[in-house]
Structures are given as C-alpha cells and as structure tokens.
Amino acid sequence: MTSTPERATWAEDAVAAHAGSEHLRTEEQVLERIERARRRRPRVREERITLAHGAGGRATSTLIEAVFLDAFRNPELERLGDAAAVGIGVGDTRIAFTTDSYVVSPLFFPGGSIGDLAVNGTVNDLAVSGARPLHLSAGFVLEEGFAVEDLRRIVDAMAVAADAAGVRIVTGDTKVVERGKADGCFITTAGVGLLDRSVVLDAGAARPGDVVIVSGPIGDHGVTVMLARGDLDVESDLVSDTAPLHSLCADLLDAGGDGVRVMRDATRGGVATILNEIARASGAAVVVDEAAVPVRTEVTGAAELLGIDPLYIACEGRLVAVVAEERAEAVLAAMRAHPTGAESAVIGRVAEDPPGLVLLRTAFGGTRIVDVLVGDPLPRIC
C-alpha cells in the first residue's frame, strides 16, 4: 500500500518523538551516573602518588577528601576554601589563614618567577576569601649546588611582590637537601589576613540567576610556563598573568557588597575546576557561554596542540566571581576600572538544572558538560 503524504507526516512525527524520548532517557541516565559517582565516599585507588594528585582536578580532590580531610576533619577545614576563616579569641575579630607550596619548573619564566608566584599566590588566596592580606611566612627547600645568584633573584622578586601587595614576610625557614634530592628550589608560603568586612563568601552561596564573571583572559600562566620549558615548538610573546588581586578584590567587594556570593582564584585546574566546585557546593548548575570566555589567541593555539580545553589551564592572576544579578553591572564596571581587571567579562550564569553540573554552550550551538579535570596535562606549573 502506498502511503499518503498525511500518513508519512504522522510516521515522521512518531520517529522524531521516539528519538527525542530516547535522547532524553540517555541524558537522564548520564546525569544519574554522575550523581551516583559523586555520592560515593572518596577513595584513593592508586597505591602510589601520581602527578595527577597535584593537578587540582578530580585526583587532587579525592586525595584531599580521602586522606587529609578524613584525618584532620574540623568545621574550618571542611569548607575547603582558599583560606580558613578562624577566630582569635579577641572579641569578634576573625582572620583568614592559608598556606601553599610552589614547585614550578622552570623557576624563571616570562612575566615572573617562583618568587613572585609564591607571594602572589598566597596573597590571592587571602584576598578572594574577603580578607585584607597582612603577613606572610616563607619556607625554602634548596638543593645542594643551587646557585646563590639565582636564590638572590628569587628572594628579590619576593620582596618586590610583597611590597606591591602591601604585605610583609615576617618569618621563614630554610632547609638544604643533597644534590639530586630536589629540583633547585621549592618554596612554601603561608599568610594571614584580617577579615574586616561583614560579607560572607562561600561557594555554596551561589543561587539561580547569579552572574559569573572572570577578571581577564584565562590560561596565560599555564601556557607561558609550558612554552618556557620548550615542550612546544612555538614562539610567543605571551607572559604569565601572575599578579596580586588584593586591591581588585577590595574594589569588587565595595561595588557588590553582600551581593558577592563567592570569589575564587583560578589556579590549578583552571576556571573549569572552580566552576565545578561552585556547582557542587551550591547544588545548582553553572552555564557558561563559550564565546564569552576571554582567551588569547596564543593560549587557544597552544591548547589545541596540547589537546586540552583552555578552561582547565591555570591562571595566577585571575579570579572568578559569582555575583547577584542586581549587582553584576556595578561589579563589572568596578573590575574593568582596575588595571588587573580591565578585561573582565561575564561568562555565564547560575541556573537550577542540572544540579551540581557545569554546562558549556558551545560556539556551534550545542551544549556539553564541563567535568572536573582528570589527569595532569600540565604538571609543575605553580
């Protein structure tokens, strides 16, 4: 029997409806699998530490939760923020306290060195926690045979960076290990800052309708370090974005007030990792517009060679802020008026669904999940 045009249309509609329902079921199954995986108790499956455990992605998160958090559990640590907010037993005075270690290779790279990186990184962890950075400590692990002149360059860079950030390095420590037992110089810095604002910043405070802002082009630092190693046969004028964010954070908070939900500096694991942490903590979705994300051409090109999304590449002078929609315009204007935030951009919004996930609306009109980084494509970049 020959089908009439009307019957053909019914058949086509039925096929389309079936395909749509199949696609919906597949999508729901994927989301259910992701949620089941997230509910499982974290467990380190590897018998030995790998480079991925230091990359800031899924392996790092698992290591922290299954080993360190499990052993040291307390309310301040469980927030897993850039700095811990703690009272000092004097009235309502609270401080932010943070620590970080730096093992970047090479020690000197276009736009910076391990020295200013160590100062800026700790200053920024305090600043995005809403604190006014005050004092730092510095611990050095030096390898036998390390050039004293290189150590002077590193220390001089730290002094300049500390002065620029308005902090003082007030204590420290030095250890020397045998030749071949380290890689020249490792630095650990800790910092304290005063929490003298009433605003409370928390990744779990993001809510549907909020706006997501990044303070400038992403991935500059990670790609700069890779190019400095000579791992890629590429010549570029790109320099690291390492910079202190304390004054930018202050201007942002002045403009946004209690409409600022969260600020994070996008270091290991890049912007994608920060957004996943926010989505997971808040139970909301973060929807990012790929075309709105500022990325330099050199970073895009290097990322294509490496086979990695620029969203996963570390920055050392960029922050991600989630702000209430009614404060977003004022915050963006304040950030763009600051030298460190001149290229700030709105890159997305917080939505209700799918809860706990980051979605990217691609330049081709599709949508894909941006998951937490797996593995370590760019080791030793901070």
Protein backbone atom coordinates (compact mmCIF):
# COMPACT_ATOMS: atom_id res chain seq x y z
CA MET A 1 0.00 0.00 0.00
CA THR A 2 1.26 3.44 -0.93
CA SER A 3 1.44 5.90 1.97
CA THR A 4 -0.37 9.18 1.62
CA PRO A 5 1.56 12.39 2.43
CA GLU A 6 -0.55 12.78 5.60
CA ARG A 7 0.35 9.27 6.81
CA ALA A 8 4.03 9.91 6.03
CA THR A 9 3.93 13.01 8.22
CA TRP A 10 2.42 11.02 11.10
CA ALA A 11 5.17 8.42 10.74
CA GLU A 12 7.90 11.07 10.68
CA ASP A 13 6.44 12.70 13.80
CA ALA A 14 6.36 9.35 15.58
CA VAL A 15 10.00 8.63 14.68
CA ALA A 16 11.06 12.09 15.85
CA ALA A 17 9.16 11.72 19.11
CA HIS A 18 10.76 8.32 19.73
CA ALA A 19 14.23 9.70 19.02
CA GLY A 20 13.59 12.63 21.33
CA SER A 21 12.45 10.38 24.17
CA GLU A 22 15.47 8.11 23.66
CA HIS A 23 17.78 11.13 23.81
CA LEU A 24 16.07 12.34 27.00
CA ARG A 25 16.39 8.91 28.63
CA THR A 26 20.09 8.76 27.69
CA GLU A 27 20.69 12.23 29.13
CA GLU A 28 18.89 11.32 32.36
CA GLN A 29 20.94 8.14 32.68
CA VAL A 30 24.19 10.08 32.26
CA LEU A 31 23.16 12.60 34.93
CA GLU A 32 22.13 9.78 37.29
CA ARG A 33 25.51 8.05 36.84
CA ILE A 34 27.34 11.31 37.58
CA GLU A 35 25.27 11.89 40.71
CA ARG A 36 25.85 8.32 41.94
CA ALA A 37 29.58 8.71 41.44
CA ARG A 38 29.61 11.96 43.41
CA ARG A 39 27.74 10.40 46.33
CA ARG A 40 30.31 7.64 46.77
CA ARG A 41 32.76 8.02 49.62
CA PRO A 42 36.07 9.28 48.13
CA ARG A 43 38.73 6.58 47.99
CA VAL A 44 42.27 6.74 46.64
CA ARG A 45 42.56 3.71 44.37
CA GLU A 46 46.20 4.20 43.41
CA GLU A 47 48.91 2.62 45.55
CA ARG A 48 51.37 5.42 44.74
CA ILE A 49 51.05 9.18 44.37
CA THR A 50 50.92 10.34 40.75
CA LEU A 51 51.33 13.76 39.14
CA ALA A 52 47.55 13.87 38.73
CA HIS A 53 47.20 14.10 42.52
CA GLY A 54 48.76 17.56 42.33
CA ALA A 55 46.87 18.87 39.29
CA GLY A 56 43.94 20.41 41.15
CA GLY A 57 41.37 18.17 39.49
CA ARG A 58 39.47 15.03 40.44
CA ALA A 59 42.52 13.11 41.72
CA THR A 60 43.53 16.04 43.93
CA SER A 61 40.02 16.35 45.33
CA THR A 62 39.89 12.63 46.08
CA LEU A 63 43.31 12.70 47.78
CA ILE A 64 42.32 15.67 49.95
CA GLU A 65 38.96 14.25 50.99
CA ALA A 66 40.01 10.62 51.43
CA VAL A 67 43.33 11.21 53.20
CA PHE A 68 43.79 14.71 54.63
CA LEU A 69 40.21 15.72 55.37
CA ASP A 70 39.47 12.28 56.76
CA ALA A 71 42.36 12.59 59.23
CA PHE A 72 42.13 16.29 60.15
CA ARG A 73 38.37 16.81 59.94
CA ASN A 74 37.05 20.02 61.53
CA PRO A 75 34.47 22.66 60.53
CA GLU A 76 37.03 25.15 59.17
CA LEU A 77 38.80 22.56 57.04
CA GLU A 78 35.58 21.08 55.72
CA ARG A 79 34.80 24.33 53.89
CA LEU A 80 37.79 23.55 51.61
CA GLY A 81 38.14 27.21 50.63
CA ASP A 82 41.22 29.13 49.55
CA ALA A 83 41.77 30.17 53.17
CA ALA A 84 40.35 29.20 56.55
CA ALA A 85 38.35 31.80 58.48
CA VAL A 86 39.13 31.48 62.18
CA GLY A 87 38.56 33.49 65.35
CA ILE A 88 41.49 34.56 67.51
CA GLY A 89 39.66 34.78 70.83
CA VAL A 90 39.58 38.59 70.90
CA GLY A 91 36.01 39.86 70.53
CA ASP A 92 34.60 39.22 67.08
CA THR A 93 37.96 39.57 65.34
CA ARG A 94 38.49 36.93 62.67
CA ILE A 95 41.42 36.20 60.40
CA ALA A 96 41.94 34.26 57.19
CA PHE A 97 44.82 31.78 57.23
CA THR A 98 46.24 29.97 54.20
CA THR A 99 49.30 28.08 53.02
CA ASP A 100 50.65 26.90 49.65
CA SER A 101 53.74 25.28 48.16
CA TYR A 102 55.40 26.14 44.83
CA VAL A 103 57.39 23.73 42.68
CA VAL A 104 57.14 25.44 39.27
CA SER A 105 59.58 24.43 36.55
CA PRO A 106 61.38 26.42 35.19
CA LEU A 107 62.00 28.71 38.15
CA PHE A 108 62.08 31.78 35.90
CA PHE A 109 59.60 32.36 33.08
CA PRO A 110 58.32 35.32 31.03
CA GLY A 111 56.44 37.64 33.35
CA GLY A 112 57.59 36.14 36.63
CA SER A 113 59.42 33.56 38.72
CA ILE A 114 58.80 31.13 41.53
CA GLY A 115 59.44 34.07 43.87
CA ASP A 116 56.64 36.44 42.93
CA LEU A 117 54.42 33.44 42.21
CA ALA A 118 54.79 32.29 45.83
CA VAL A 119 53.90 35.72 47.21
CA ASN A 120 51.05 36.47 44.80
CA GLY A 121 49.50 33.04 45.18
CA THR A 122 49.20 33.31 48.94
CA VAL A 123 48.08 36.96 48.82
CA ASN A 124 45.37 35.98 46.34
CA ASP A 125 44.10 33.09 48.45
CA LEU A 126 43.59 35.56 51.29
CA ALA A 127 42.08 38.26 49.06
CA VAL A 128 39.43 36.07 47.41
CA SER A 129 38.39 34.94 50.88
CA GLY A 130 37.44 38.54 51.59
CA ALA A 131 40.46 39.24 53.80
CA ARG A 132 42.95 42.11 53.84
CA PRO A 133 46.35 40.38 53.50
CA LEU A 134 48.82 41.30 56.24
CA HIS A 135 51.72 38.93 56.88
CA LEU A 136 53.45 36.01 55.15
CA SER A 137 55.94 33.33 56.08
CA ALA A 138 58.34 31.74 53.60
CA GLY A 139 59.96 28.30 53.77
CA PHE A 140 62.68 27.27 51.31
CA VAL A 141 63.87 23.80 50.37
CA LEU A 142 67.14 24.23 48.46
CA GLU A 143 69.12 21.60 46.59
CA GLU A 144 72.84 21.29 47.20
CA GLY A 145 74.62 23.09 44.39
CA PHE A 146 71.86 25.63 43.71
CA ALA A 147 73.30 28.94 42.52
CA VAL A 148 73.29 31.65 45.19
CA GLU A 149 72.74 34.27 42.48
CA ASP A 150 69.53 32.50 41.42
CA LEU A 151 68.40 32.44 45.05
CA ARG A 152 69.03 36.20 45.28
CA ARG A 153 66.89 36.76 42.15
CA ILE A 154 64.08 34.73 43.65
CA VAL A 155 64.21 36.48 47.01
CA ASP A 156 64.41 39.92 45.37
CA ALA A 157 61.30 39.06 43.32
CA MET A 158 59.51 38.05 46.51
CA ALA A 159 60.43 41.35 48.17
CA VAL A 160 59.10 43.36 45.24
CA ALA A 161 55.89 41.32 45.10
CA ALA A 162 55.32 41.64 48.84
CA ASP A 163 55.78 45.41 48.67
CA ALA A 164 53.32 45.64 45.76
CA ALA A 165 50.74 43.63 47.73
CA GLY A 166 51.23 45.61 50.93
CA VAL A 167 52.30 42.60 52.98
CA ARG A 168 55.42 41.76 54.95
CA ILE A 169 57.33 38.48 55.07
CA VAL A 170 57.82 38.22 58.83
CA THR A 171 59.17 34.70 59.39
CA GLY A 172 60.60 31.76 57.48
CA ASP A 173 62.73 28.64 57.33
CA THR A 174 65.45 27.15 55.12
CA LYS A 175 66.37 23.52 54.52
CA VAL A 176 69.04 22.12 52.18
CA VAL A 177 68.88 18.60 50.73
CA GLU A 178 71.52 16.56 48.92
CA ARG A 179 72.20 17.07 45.24
CA GLY A 180 69.60 15.22 43.19
CA LYS A 181 67.07 15.11 46.06
CA ALA A 182 65.13 18.20 44.90
CA ASP A 183 64.85 20.39 41.83
CA GLY A 184 66.77 23.52 42.71
CA CYS A 185 64.30 25.40 44.89
CA PHE A 186 60.88 24.74 46.37
CA ILE A 187 59.02 27.42 48.35
CA THR A 188 56.16 27.20 50.83
CA THR A 189 54.38 30.38 51.88
CA ALA A 190 51.69 30.85 54.50
CA GLY A 191 49.70 34.02 55.06
CA VAL A 192 47.28 35.69 57.42
CA GLY A 193 44.81 38.45 56.66
CA LEU A 194 42.17 40.37 58.55
CA LEU A 195 38.50 39.67 57.84
CA ASP A 196 37.24 43.19 58.48
CA ARG A 197 34.19 43.06 56.17
CA SER A 198 30.78 41.68 57.08
CA VAL A 199 30.32 39.90 53.75
CA VAL A 200 30.45 36.09 53.90
CA LEU A 201 31.84 34.37 50.81
CA ASP A 202 31.02 30.71 50.23
CA ALA A 203 30.95 28.52 47.13
CA GLY A 204 27.69 27.07 48.41
CA ALA A 205 26.02 30.50 48.38
CA ALA A 206 25.62 30.67 44.59
CA ARG A 207 21.97 30.64 43.54
CA PRO A 208 20.00 30.55 40.27
CA GLY A 209 20.06 33.90 38.49
CA ASP A 210 23.53 34.87 39.73
CA VAL A 211 26.09 36.09 37.20
CA VAL A 212 29.55 34.54 36.71
CA ILE A 213 32.42 36.93 35.99
CA VAL A 214 36.08 36.24 35.19
CA SER A 215 38.64 39.03 35.67
CA GLY A 216 40.51 38.62 32.38
CA PRO A 217 41.88 36.25 29.72
CA ILE A 218 42.40 32.74 31.04
CA GLY A 219 45.27 30.27 30.72
CA ASP A 220 48.12 32.75 30.25
CA HIS A 221 50.23 31.42 33.10
CA GLY A 222 49.99 27.73 32.31
CA VAL A 223 50.79 28.17 28.64
CA THR A 224 53.64 30.60 29.37
CA VAL A 225 55.33 28.04 31.64
CA MET A 226 54.90 25.27 29.07
CA LEU A 227 56.42 27.45 26.35
CA ALA A 228 59.32 28.40 28.66
CA ARG A 229 60.13 24.70 29.05
CA GLY A 230 60.41 24.28 25.31
CA ASP A 231 57.84 21.47 25.39
CA LEU A 232 56.04 23.08 22.46
CA ASP A 233 57.86 24.21 19.33
CA VAL A 234 56.10 27.58 19.44
CA GLU A 235 57.42 31.13 19.74
CA SER A 236 55.23 33.66 21.50
CA ASP A 237 55.30 36.96 23.37
CA LEU A 238 52.85 35.57 25.94
CA VAL A 239 53.71 36.27 29.60
CA SER A 240 52.38 34.88 32.87
CA ASP A 241 49.42 36.67 34.40
CA THR A 242 50.86 36.34 37.93
CA ALA A 243 49.71 39.38 39.91
CA PRO A 244 48.29 40.27 43.33
CA LEU A 245 44.50 40.52 43.39
CA HIS A 246 44.01 42.19 46.78
CA SER A 247 43.06 45.64 45.51
CA LEU A 248 40.84 44.23 42.72
CA CYS A 249 39.01 42.12 45.30
CA ALA A 250 38.55 45.17 47.52
CA ASP A 251 37.06 47.19 44.66
CA LEU A 252 34.82 44.27 43.71
CA LEU A 253 33.51 43.94 47.26
CA ASP A 254 32.99 47.71 47.57
CA ALA A 255 30.83 47.62 44.43
CA GLY A 256 28.99 44.38 45.12
CA GLY A 257 28.60 44.33 48.89
CA ASP A 258 26.56 41.38 50.12
CA GLY A 259 25.63 40.64 46.50
CA VAL A 260 29.02 39.00 46.04
CA ARG A 261 28.45 35.29 46.71
CA VAL A 262 31.90 33.85 46.10
CA MET A 263 35.34 34.73 44.75
CA ARG A 264 38.00 32.18 43.80
CA ASP A 265 41.36 32.47 42.07
CA ALA A 266 41.61 30.09 39.15
CA THR A 267 44.94 28.33 39.67
CA ARG A 268 45.44 24.56 39.35
CA GLY A 269 42.66 23.02 37.29
CA GLY A 270 41.73 26.43 35.86
CA VAL A 271 38.35 28.09 35.64
CA ALA A 272 36.58 24.79 34.93
CA THR A 273 37.61 23.34 38.29
CA ILE A 274 36.46 26.44 40.17
CA LEU A 275 33.07 26.38 38.45
CA ASN A 276 32.63 22.69 39.26
CA GLU A 277 33.41 23.36 42.92
CA ILE A 278 30.81 26.13 42.96
CA ALA A 279 28.19 24.00 41.22
CA ARG A 280 28.78 21.06 43.52
CA ALA A 281 28.79 23.13 46.72
CA SER A 282 25.65 25.09 45.81
CA GLY A 283 23.68 22.25 44.26
CA ALA A 284 22.95 24.50 41.29
CA ALA A 285 24.11 24.46 37.67
CA VAL A 286 26.64 26.83 36.14
CA VAL A 287 26.01 27.56 32.46
CA VAL A 288 28.92 29.11 30.56
CA ASP A 289 28.85 30.78 27.14
CA GLU A 290 31.97 29.61 25.31
CA ALA A 291 32.04 32.69 23.08
CA ALA A 292 32.08 34.98 26.13
CA VAL A 293 35.15 33.42 27.77
CA PRO A 294 38.19 35.67 27.16
CA VAL A 295 41.11 33.63 25.80
CA ARG A 296 44.16 34.94 23.96
CA THR A 297 44.90 33.52 20.50
CA GLU A 298 48.26 32.14 21.70
CA VAL A 299 46.55 30.23 24.52
CA THR A 300 43.92 28.82 22.19
CA GLY A 301 46.61 27.66 19.75
CA ALA A 302 48.73 26.03 22.45
CA ALA A 303 45.67 24.39 23.98
CA GLU A 304 44.81 22.83 20.63
CA LEU A 305 48.35 21.43 20.35
CA LEU A 306 48.11 20.02 23.87
CA GLY A 307 44.60 18.68 23.32
CA ILE A 308 43.22 20.48 26.38
CA ASP A 309 40.42 22.99 26.87
CA PRO A 310 41.71 26.46 27.96
CA LEU A 311 39.13 26.31 30.76
CA TYR A 312 41.40 23.78 32.51
CA ILE A 313 44.64 25.77 32.18
CA ALA A 314 45.91 27.52 35.31
CA CYS A 315 45.95 31.26 35.84
CA GLU A 316 47.89 33.04 38.60
CA GLY A 317 46.32 36.49 38.42
CA ARG A 318 42.69 35.84 37.52
CA LEU A 319 39.65 35.39 39.71
CA VAL A 320 36.16 34.02 39.21
CA ALA A 321 33.32 35.83 40.97
CA VAL A 322 29.68 34.87 41.34
CA VAL A 323 27.52 37.94 41.92
CA ALA A 324 23.82 38.61 42.39
CA GLU A 325 22.28 39.78 39.11
CA GLU A 326 21.26 43.18 40.51
CA ARG A 327 24.89 43.93 41.50
CA ALA A 328 26.58 42.46 38.43
CA GLU A 329 26.68 45.65 36.34
CA ALA A 330 28.27 47.69 39.14
CA VAL A 331 30.77 44.94 39.94
CA LEU A 332 31.79 44.51 36.30
CA ALA A 333 32.30 48.28 35.93
CA ALA A 334 34.45 48.40 39.07
CA MET A 335 36.55 45.46 37.92
CA ARG A 336 37.10 46.94 34.46
CA ALA A 337 38.20 50.22 36.05
CA HIS A 338 41.03 48.36 37.81
CA PRO A 339 44.27 47.64 35.88
CA THR A 340 44.20 43.95 36.83
CA GLY A 341 40.56 43.56 35.79
CA ALA A 342 40.44 45.72 32.66
CA GLU A 343 39.43 42.73 30.50
CA SER A 344 36.84 41.32 32.91
CA ALA A 345 33.87 39.61 31.29
CA VAL A 346 30.56 37.97 32.16
CA ILE A 347 30.96 34.35 31.06
CA GLY A 348 27.78 32.72 32.32
CA ARG A 349 25.04 32.36 34.89
CA VAL A 350 23.91 30.09 37.67
CA ALA A 351 20.81 28.02 36.85
CA GLU A 352 18.62 25.47 38.63
CA ASP A 353 19.23 22.47 36.38
CA PRO A 354 21.05 20.19 36.06
CA PRO A 355 22.04 20.50 39.73
CA GLY A 356 25.75 20.27 40.54
CA LEU A 357 26.96 20.40 36.94
CA VAL A 358 28.75 22.88 34.69
CA LEU A 359 27.44 23.21 31.14
CA LEU A 360 29.16 24.94 28.24
CA ARG A 361 27.13 26.42 25.40
CA THR A 362 29.49 25.94 22.51
CA ALA A 363 30.14 28.26 19.58
CA PHE A 364 28.41 25.67 17.36
CA GLY A 365 25.13 25.97 19.26
CA GLY A 366 25.42 22.76 21.25
CA THR A 367 25.80 22.12 24.96
CA ARG A 368 28.26 19.86 26.74
CA ILE A 369 29.17 19.01 30.31
CA VAL A 370 32.43 20.50 31.60
CA ASP A 371 33.58 17.99 34.19
CA VAL A 372 36.40 18.16 36.72
CA LEU A 373 39.90 17.77 35.29
CA VAL A 374 41.16 14.20 35.06
CA GLY A 375 44.92 13.59 34.92
CA ASP A 376 47.63 16.23 34.77
CA PRO A 377 48.33 17.53 31.26
CA LEU A 378 50.39 20.46 32.62
CA PRO A 379 52.48 19.38 35.63
CA ARG A 380 54.72 21.68 37.67
CA ILE A 381 53.16 25.00 36.60
CA CYS A 382 52.86 26.52 40.07
